[in-house]
Amino acid sequence: MRRAVCPGSFDPITNGHLDIIARASRLYDEVYVAVMINQSKKGLFEIEERIDLIREVTAEYGNVRVEAFHGLLVDFCKQRDIPAIVKGLRAVSDFDYELQMAQMNNGLTGVETLFVPTNPTYSFLSSSLVKEVAAWGGDVSHLVPPAVLEALNGRLHKG
């Protein structure tokens, strides 16, 4: 069985993330979405909320599993017999950082990283930008799935 992982913080998941996950799900038998736990950062959504949202918006793919992880991504991969990491690249600046990570991961355990160019529609998109625009009342409905939009509005615009 061909397996891959799409890692990230997904706070929240965006249409750009979904595009990469959907494309990976067509290439691999099983795709893990690994939601990073970073104890030093307080996210807008708790880890379990992110996992629930990702499961909801990826349910149609049928071969996507969603789990939290902390520590080294290569350990997550090793524990689940995952030989490949799939990462979306938005710009050259992403490549510089991601190449270093890919080389380190490969050097540690032999896990390969596949870079997928982001759909140009989402080349500017990040979770941070979505949160900032949404917090100021901007329309992000075209940038996130409906379930995420509802959760964002509920979290940012209470009362």
Protein backbone atom coordinates (compact mmCIF):
# COMPACT_ATOMS: atom_id res chain seq x y z
CA MET A 1 0.00 0.00 0.00
CA ARG A 2 1.38 3.39 -1.01
CA ARG A 3 1.24 5.89 1.86
CA ALA A 4 2.10 9.55 2.23
CA VAL A 5 1.69 12.25 4.84
CA CYS A 6 0.66 15.90 4.51
CA PRO A 7 1.89 17.65 7.67
CA GLY A 8 1.03 21.05 9.06
CA SER A 9 -0.59 23.03 11.83
CA PHE A 10 -3.83 23.57 9.86
CA ASP A 11 -5.03 26.40 12.13
CA PRO A 12 -7.36 26.42 10.25
CA ILE A 13 -7.29 24.23 7.16
CA THR A 14 -7.67 26.29 3.97
CA ASN A 15 -8.68 25.53 0.40
CA GLY A 16 -4.97 25.60 -0.44
CA HIS A 17 -4.30 22.80 2.06
CA LEU A 18 -7.30 20.89 0.73
CA ASP A 19 -6.02 21.18 -2.81
CA ILE A 20 -2.72 19.52 -1.85
CA ILE A 21 -4.46 16.82 0.22
CA ALA A 22 -6.90 16.07 -2.62
CA ARG A 23 -4.09 15.77 -5.13
CA ALA A 24 -2.10 13.50 -2.80
CA SER A 25 -5.20 11.34 -2.24
CA ARG A 26 -5.35 10.66 -5.99
CA LEU A 27 -1.68 9.60 -6.05
CA TYR A 28 -1.52 7.47 -2.89
CA ASP A 29 -3.62 4.65 -1.47
CA GLU A 30 -3.60 6.23 1.97
CA VAL A 31 -2.86 9.83 2.96
CA TYR A 32 -2.28 10.86 6.54
CA VAL A 33 -2.89 14.45 7.50
CA ALA A 34 -0.56 15.00 10.46
CA VAL A 35 -1.69 17.91 12.62
CA MET A 36 1.33 19.31 14.41
CA ILE A 37 1.10 19.91 18.15
CA ASN A 38 3.27 22.87 19.11
CA GLN A 39 3.10 23.39 22.87
CA SER A 40 4.78 26.79 22.62
CA LYS A 41 2.13 28.27 20.29
CA LYS A 42 -1.47 28.96 21.18
CA GLY A 43 -3.60 28.33 18.12
CA LEU A 44 -7.01 29.75 17.36
CA PHE A 45 -8.42 26.22 17.33
CA GLU A 46 -7.55 23.40 19.71
CA ILE A 47 -5.92 20.33 18.16
CA GLU A 48 -9.09 18.23 18.44
CA GLU A 49 -11.13 20.98 16.76
CA ARG A 50 -8.66 21.08 13.87
CA ILE A 51 -8.76 17.30 13.54
CA ASP A 52 -12.56 17.29 13.51
CA LEU A 53 -12.69 20.03 10.86
CA ILE A 54 -10.13 18.27 8.67
CA ARG A 55 -11.97 14.96 8.96
CA GLU A 56 -15.20 16.68 7.97
CA VAL A 57 -13.78 18.45 4.92
CA THR A 58 -11.75 15.45 3.68
CA ALA A 59 -14.40 12.77 4.26
CA GLU A 60 -15.29 12.64 0.57
CA TYR A 61 -11.82 11.38 -0.37
CA GLY A 62 -12.21 8.10 1.51
CA ASN A 63 -8.48 7.43 1.89
CA VAL A 64 -7.47 10.27 4.21
CA ARG A 65 -6.64 9.68 7.88
CA VAL A 66 -6.16 12.56 10.30
CA GLU A 67 -3.98 12.34 13.41
CA ALA A 68 -2.15 14.70 15.74
CA PHE A 69 1.59 14.45 16.18
CA HIS A 70 4.37 16.06 18.15
CA GLY A 71 8.07 15.57 17.79
CA LEU A 72 9.85 14.65 14.58
CA LEU A 73 7.73 14.07 11.50
CA VAL A 74 10.07 11.28 10.43
CA ASP A 75 9.21 9.40 13.65
CA PHE A 76 5.51 9.74 12.78
CA CYS A 77 6.35 8.33 9.33
CA LYS A 78 8.47 5.49 10.70
CA GLN A 79 5.77 4.41 13.18
CA ARG A 80 3.19 4.19 10.36
CA ASP A 81 5.44 2.88 7.57
CA ILE A 82 5.01 6.08 5.52
CA PRO A 83 7.83 6.58 3.00
CA ALA A 84 6.77 9.97 1.60
CA ILE A 85 5.93 13.49 2.74
CA VAL A 86 3.87 15.65 0.39
CA LYS A 87 4.31 19.40 0.72
CA GLY A 88 2.75 22.23 -1.23
CA LEU A 89 5.01 25.04 -2.42
CA ARG A 90 3.53 28.50 -2.87
CA ALA A 91 6.67 30.46 -3.75
CA VAL A 92 10.44 30.26 -4.02
CA SER A 93 10.67 31.37 -0.38
CA ASP A 94 8.81 28.18 0.64
CA PHE A 95 11.28 26.09 -1.32
CA ASP A 96 14.35 27.38 0.53
CA TYR A 97 12.99 26.27 3.91
CA GLU A 98 11.28 23.10 2.71
CA LEU A 99 14.37 21.88 0.86
CA GLN A 100 16.38 22.03 4.09
CA MET A 101 13.65 20.10 5.92
CA ALA A 102 13.43 17.52 3.11
CA GLN A 103 17.16 16.95 3.11
CA MET A 104 17.25 16.60 6.90
CA ASN A 105 14.29 14.18 6.91
CA ASN A 106 15.84 12.08 4.18
CA GLY A 107 19.18 12.06 5.94
CA LEU A 108 17.60 10.96 9.22
CA THR A 109 15.45 8.10 7.96
CA GLY A 110 15.34 7.99 4.17
CA VAL A 111 11.82 9.45 4.00
CA GLU A 112 11.33 11.22 0.67
CA THR A 113 9.62 14.59 0.26
CA LEU A 114 7.56 15.38 -2.83
CA PHE A 115 6.91 19.02 -3.60
CA VAL A 116 3.62 19.88 -5.28
CA PRO A 117 3.24 23.34 -6.77
CA THR A 118 0.24 25.09 -5.30
CA ASN A 119 -2.68 25.92 -7.53
CA PRO A 120 -2.10 29.57 -8.53
CA THR A 121 -5.50 30.43 -7.08
CA TYR A 122 -4.06 29.71 -3.61
CA SER A 123 -0.48 30.90 -4.06
CA PHE A 124 -0.90 33.75 -1.55
CA LEU A 125 -2.96 31.80 0.95
CA SER A 126 -1.94 30.96 4.52
CA SER A 127 -3.85 30.11 7.66
CA SER A 128 -2.40 33.18 9.37
CA LEU A 129 -3.64 35.47 6.61
CA VAL A 130 -7.10 33.88 6.69
CA LYS A 131 -7.33 34.41 10.47
CA GLU A 132 -6.20 38.01 10.22
CA VAL A 133 -8.62 38.93 7.43
CA ALA A 134 -11.49 37.09 9.13
CA ALA A 135 -10.76 38.79 12.46
CA TRP A 136 -11.19 42.17 10.78
CA GLY A 137 -14.49 41.10 9.22
CA GLY A 138 -13.12 40.42 5.75
CA ASP A 139 -14.74 37.85 3.49
CA VAL A 140 -12.74 34.61 3.48
CA SER A 141 -15.57 32.42 2.22
CA HIS A 142 -13.67 31.65 -0.99
CA LEU A 143 -10.53 30.66 0.92
CA VAL A 144 -11.84 28.02 3.34
CA PRO A 145 -14.45 25.24 3.22
CA PRO A 146 -17.93 26.17 4.55
CA ALA A 147 -17.46 24.20 7.81
CA VAL A 148 -14.24 26.08 8.51
CA LEU A 149 -15.86 29.42 7.71
CA GLU A 150 -18.62 28.65 10.20
CA ALA A 151 -16.09 27.66 12.87
CA LEU A 152 -13.98 30.77 12.19
CA ASN A 153 -16.96 33.09 12.44
CA GLY A 154 -18.10 31.37 15.61
CA ARG A 155 -14.68 31.71 17.22
CA LEU A 156 -13.82 35.23 16.08
CA HIS A 157 -17.20 36.94 16.27
CA LYS A 158 -18.79 35.68 19.48
CA GLY A 159 -21.74 37.82 20.43
